[in-house]
Amino acid sequence: MHSQPLWIIGAPRSGTTFLTAVLNRHPMISLTNESRVFVLLKHILERACTQPEFLDVDQRERFTGFLKREAAGLIERYYREELGVVTPIWGDKHPPYADPTVLSGRVGARPLLPVSGSCLPLIREVFPTSKFIHIHREPTEVAHSLERKGWTPSLADGMAVWRQYVREIDEFFAQIEPENRLVVAYADLLEDPDETAASLTGFLGLTDPQPIALFLHAQHSEPTPFSAPVRDLDAVYGTRVPLRLISEREAS
């Protein structure tokens, strides 16, 4: 069976959860929601393995190299054997994979030094054939949502966080092959479902965009918010949207 790792990234509140739900409508795709395995792997390699009480200094280089070589098989086996994933396209969505301070942290929008860097280069090193989809949302919408959630103290901080994530992704995308990267506008998921479905499936080498297109079209009559939306879906679709984590239809 062909195996294609796929990772959904973007700034927080940019629609990564919704895009993951859209892609999971296709029978050839199975994506988890924030498994965070690469945050853990990065922590082990770059933090735990540098502490002599955990790993002898003389063993450090050999063990970290071994762990990187074996990580791909271990992670995919976890998906296949423990999570029961059988689809050829598999992976995860996790905005902090693109956070340049994923290990070092931040105070509001201010990164704590030294900055750890994101998980993106590590993902590519472990899975060289990985594909990445960056879902991009209008930055002021992201900033407003970050402030409303209490994740940033102001719109200016929200814009700064958005900028940090997007800059990290843009720099990473400039280093990888065009066939392994795709940028999707959140607005296009809502406003141009057929073309967007065709773009997504074409990028992933799939021939049938219908499962994705049909789900996107259905959102116009019965929108399904997966968390409190950034955009007023009532204004977009002309229908009242209950703010719940997931609809009863999706849970069934």
Protein backbone atom coordinates (compact mmCIF):
# COMPACT_ATOMS: atom_id res chain seq x y z
CA MET A 1 0.00 0.00 0.00
CA HIS A 2 1.33 3.44 -0.95
CA SER A 3 1.92 5.56 2.12
CA GLN A 4 1.62 9.35 1.93
CA PRO A 5 2.19 11.36 5.13
CA LEU A 6 0.21 14.61 5.14
CA TRP A 7 0.39 17.46 7.65
CA ILE A 8 -2.07 20.36 8.00
CA ILE A 9 -0.51 23.56 9.33
CA GLY A 10 -1.39 27.21 9.78
CA ALA A 11 -1.64 29.87 12.42
CA PRO A 12 -4.06 29.15 15.29
CA ARG A 13 -7.69 29.98 14.46
CA SER A 14 -7.03 29.71 10.72
CA GLY A 15 -9.35 26.79 9.95
CA THR A 16 -7.03 23.81 10.41
CA THR A 17 -9.74 21.83 12.22
CA PHE A 18 -12.29 22.52 9.52
CA LEU A 19 -9.87 21.61 6.70
CA THR A 20 -9.02 18.37 8.48
CA ALA A 21 -12.71 17.50 8.71
CA VAL A 22 -13.11 18.33 5.01
CA LEU A 23 -10.21 16.09 3.97
CA ASN A 24 -11.36 13.25 6.21
CA ARG A 25 -14.53 13.07 4.12
CA HIS A 26 -12.44 11.41 1.42
CA PRO A 27 -12.20 7.62 1.82
CA MET A 28 -8.48 7.68 0.99
CA ILE A 29 -7.55 10.11 3.80
CA SER A 30 -7.33 9.73 7.60
CA LEU A 31 -5.99 12.65 9.62
CA THR A 32 -5.81 12.87 13.39
CA ASN A 33 -6.49 16.02 15.37
CA GLU A 34 -3.39 17.25 17.20
CA SER A 35 -1.65 14.00 18.10
CA ARG A 36 1.44 16.17 18.81
CA VAL A 37 3.88 13.30 18.25
CA PHE A 38 6.45 15.57 16.61
CA VAL A 39 6.39 18.02 19.52
CA LEU A 40 7.25 15.08 21.77
CA LEU A 41 9.93 13.83 19.36
CA LYS A 42 11.49 17.28 19.10
CA HIS A 43 11.51 17.57 22.88
CA ILE A 44 13.22 14.19 23.26
CA LEU A 45 15.85 14.92 20.61
CA GLU A 46 16.61 18.54 21.47
CA ARG A 47 15.92 18.72 25.19
CA ALA A 48 15.90 15.36 26.95
CA CYS A 49 18.81 13.91 24.98
CA THR A 50 21.01 16.86 25.92
CA GLN A 51 20.65 16.15 29.63
CA PRO A 52 23.44 13.84 30.87
CA GLU A 53 21.19 12.35 33.56
CA PHE A 54 19.01 10.97 30.75
CA LEU A 55 21.64 10.10 28.14
CA ASP A 56 25.39 9.76 28.36
CA VAL A 57 27.21 12.44 26.38
CA ASP A 58 29.23 9.84 24.47
CA GLN A 59 26.00 8.20 23.28
CA ARG A 60 24.14 11.37 22.36
CA GLU A 61 25.00 11.73 18.68
CA ARG A 62 24.61 8.04 17.89
CA PHE A 63 21.32 7.69 19.75
CA THR A 64 19.70 10.82 18.31
CA GLY A 65 20.73 9.75 14.80
CA PHE A 66 19.31 6.29 15.42
CA LEU A 67 16.08 7.73 16.82
CA LYS A 68 15.58 9.98 13.78
CA ARG A 69 16.15 7.05 11.40
CA GLU A 70 13.70 4.82 13.25
CA ALA A 71 11.06 7.44 14.05
CA ALA A 72 9.27 7.18 10.71
CA GLY A 73 8.59 3.47 11.09
CA LEU A 74 7.57 3.86 14.72
CA ILE A 75 5.14 6.73 14.05
CA GLU A 76 3.53 5.05 11.06
CA ARG A 77 3.18 1.79 12.98
CA TYR A 78 1.41 3.74 15.71
CA TYR A 79 -1.08 5.08 13.17
CA ARG A 80 -1.54 1.72 11.48
CA GLU A 81 -1.48 -0.66 14.44
CA GLU A 82 -2.78 1.41 17.37
CA LEU A 83 -5.12 3.84 15.62
CA GLY A 84 -6.25 1.40 12.94
CA VAL A 85 -5.54 3.74 10.02
CA VAL A 86 -5.71 1.85 6.72
CA THR A 87 -5.91 4.71 4.21
CA PRO A 88 -2.87 5.48 2.06
CA ILE A 89 -2.94 9.18 3.03
CA TRP A 90 -2.56 9.70 6.75
CA GLY A 91 -1.21 12.31 9.13
CA ASP A 92 -2.15 15.03 11.55
CA LYS A 93 -3.18 18.63 11.94
CA HIS A 94 -1.50 20.69 14.62
CA PRO A 95 -0.92 24.45 14.28
CA PRO A 96 1.98 24.46 16.82
CA TYR A 97 3.97 22.22 14.46
CA ALA A 98 4.62 25.54 12.69
CA ASP A 99 5.16 27.55 15.87
CA PRO A 100 8.74 28.88 15.89
CA THR A 101 8.55 28.79 19.71
CA VAL A 102 7.02 25.31 20.01
CA LEU A 103 9.50 24.29 22.74
CA SER A 104 10.73 27.64 24.01
CA GLY A 105 7.30 29.23 24.48
CA ARG A 106 6.13 32.83 24.45
CA VAL A 107 4.61 35.53 26.62
CA GLY A 108 1.74 36.80 24.52
CA ALA A 109 3.36 37.51 21.18
CA ARG A 110 6.87 37.84 22.61
CA PRO A 111 8.99 34.72 21.96
CA LEU A 112 11.12 33.48 24.80
CA LEU A 113 14.78 33.21 23.90
CA PRO A 114 16.48 31.18 22.65
CA VAL A 115 13.77 30.39 20.11
CA SER A 116 13.39 26.66 19.58
CA GLY A 117 12.25 26.72 15.95
CA SER A 118 9.24 24.80 14.65
CA CYS A 119 8.73 21.07 14.09
CA LEU A 120 8.58 21.44 10.31
CA PRO A 121 12.22 20.63 9.44
CA LEU A 122 12.11 17.61 11.78
CA ILE A 123 8.94 16.31 10.14
CA ARG A 124 10.57 16.57 6.74
CA GLU A 125 13.76 14.90 7.98
CA VAL A 126 11.82 11.96 9.43
CA PHE A 127 9.37 11.70 6.52
CA PRO A 128 11.12 13.13 3.41
CA THR A 129 8.06 12.41 1.23
CA SER A 130 5.72 14.38 3.48
CA LYS A 131 3.19 16.74 1.96
CA PHE A 132 2.12 19.92 3.75
CA ILE A 133 -1.04 21.99 3.37
CA HIS A 134 -0.98 25.51 4.80
CA ILE A 135 -4.45 26.90 5.37
CA HIS A 136 -4.28 30.66 5.27
CA ARG A 137 -6.87 32.98 6.76
CA GLU A 138 -7.30 36.73 6.61
CA PRO A 139 -4.96 37.93 9.40
CA THR A 140 -7.35 40.36 11.08
CA GLU A 141 -9.93 37.58 11.47
CA VAL A 142 -7.25 35.42 13.10
CA ALA A 143 -6.14 38.26 15.38
CA HIS A 144 -9.71 39.01 16.47
CA SER A 145 -10.31 35.34 17.27
CA LEU A 146 -7.07 35.00 19.23
CA GLU A 147 -8.04 38.01 21.32
CA ARG A 148 -11.60 36.74 21.89
CA LYS A 149 -10.24 33.37 23.00
CA GLY A 150 -7.96 35.12 25.46
CA TRP A 151 -4.86 33.63 23.81
CA THR A 152 -3.43 37.08 23.12
CA PRO A 153 -4.07 40.29 25.09
CA SER A 154 -4.65 42.53 22.07
CA LEU A 155 -5.26 42.63 18.34
CA ALA A 156 -1.68 43.78 17.83
CA ASP A 157 -0.41 40.72 19.68
CA GLY A 158 -2.71 38.50 17.64
CA MET A 159 -1.35 39.96 14.42
CA ALA A 160 2.20 39.41 15.68
CA VAL A 161 1.50 35.75 16.48
CA TRP A 162 -0.10 35.25 13.05
CA ARG A 163 2.95 36.85 11.43
CA GLN A 164 5.38 34.61 13.32
CA TYR A 165 3.60 31.43 12.26
CA VAL A 166 3.17 32.47 8.65
CA ARG A 167 6.77 33.64 8.34
CA GLU A 168 7.96 30.25 9.67
CA ILE A 169 5.76 28.40 7.17
CA ASP A 170 6.75 30.63 4.24
CA GLU A 171 10.45 30.12 4.95
CA PHE A 172 9.97 26.37 5.23
CA PHE A 173 7.88 26.18 2.06
CA ALA A 174 10.62 28.02 0.17
CA GLN A 175 12.96 25.12 0.97
CA ILE A 176 10.78 22.20 -0.11
CA GLU A 177 9.67 20.97 -3.51
CA PRO A 178 6.56 22.61 -5.04
CA GLU A 179 4.87 19.23 -5.38
CA ASN A 180 5.04 18.77 -1.61
CA ARG A 181 3.43 22.05 -0.56
CA LEU A 182 0.03 23.65 -1.04
CA VAL A 183 -1.48 26.87 0.27
CA VAL A 184 -5.26 26.97 0.64
CA ALA A 185 -7.28 30.07 1.48
CA TYR A 186 -9.95 29.46 4.08
CA ALA A 187 -12.31 31.74 2.17
CA ASP A 188 -12.04 29.49 -0.89
CA LEU A 189 -13.28 26.50 1.11
CA LEU A 190 -16.47 28.46 1.71
CA GLU A 191 -16.81 30.37 -1.54
CA ASP A 192 -15.32 28.15 -4.26
CA PRO A 193 -15.82 24.55 -3.12
CA ASP A 194 -15.51 22.82 -6.50
CA GLU A 195 -12.22 24.40 -7.52
CA THR A 196 -10.81 24.01 -4.02
CA ALA A 197 -11.80 20.33 -3.87
CA ALA A 198 -10.14 19.77 -7.24
CA SER A 199 -6.98 21.55 -6.05
CA LEU A 200 -6.79 19.48 -2.86
CA THR A 201 -7.33 16.13 -4.53
CA GLY A 202 -5.00 16.99 -7.42
CA PHE A 203 -2.25 17.90 -4.95
CA LEU A 204 -2.74 14.56 -3.19
CA GLY A 205 -2.83 12.53 -6.40
CA LEU A 206 -6.49 11.56 -6.00
CA THR A 207 -8.89 11.34 -8.93
CA ASP A 208 -12.23 11.88 -7.19
CA PRO A 209 -12.88 15.31 -5.66
CA GLN A 210 -16.59 14.59 -5.14
CA PRO A 211 -16.54 13.55 -1.45
CA ILE A 212 -14.79 16.80 -0.54
CA ALA A 213 -16.85 18.99 -2.88
CA LEU A 214 -20.15 17.53 -1.69
CA PHE A 215 -19.27 18.15 1.96
CA LEU A 216 -18.28 21.74 1.22
CA HIS A 217 -21.48 22.38 -0.72
CA ALA A 218 -23.50 20.89 2.16
CA GLN A 219 -22.07 23.54 4.46
CA HIS A 220 -24.09 26.18 2.64
CA SER A 221 -27.35 24.65 3.86
CA GLU A 222 -26.17 23.00 7.08
CA PRO A 223 -22.88 24.48 8.28
CA THR A 224 -20.99 22.52 10.88
CA PRO A 225 -18.74 24.59 13.15
CA PHE A 226 -16.09 22.52 14.89
CA SER A 227 -15.31 25.28 17.36
CA ALA A 228 -16.50 28.85 17.81
CA PRO A 229 -15.84 30.19 14.32
CA VAL A 230 -13.71 33.17 13.46
CA ARG A 231 -16.13 34.21 10.73
CA ASP A 232 -19.83 34.80 11.33
CA LEU A 233 -21.18 31.77 9.50
CA ASP A 234 -24.70 33.12 9.81
CA ALA A 235 -23.65 36.07 7.65
CA VAL A 236 -21.90 33.79 5.17
CA TYR A 237 -24.67 31.25 4.71
CA GLY A 238 -27.77 33.16 5.80
CA THR A 239 -28.66 30.63 8.46
CA ARG A 240 -28.36 30.50 12.24
CA VAL A 241 -25.39 28.37 13.38
CA PRO A 242 -25.36 26.87 16.88
CA LEU A 243 -22.00 27.33 18.54
CA ARG A 244 -21.20 23.82 19.69
CA LEU A 245 -18.02 21.83 19.42
CA ILE A 246 -19.43 19.41 16.88
CA SER A 247 -22.89 18.84 15.53
CA GLU A 248 -25.01 15.83 16.39
CA ARG A 249 -24.84 14.85 12.75
CA GLU A 250 -21.04 14.73 12.82
CA ALA A 251 -21.01 12.83 16.13
CA SER A 252 -23.32 10.10 14.85
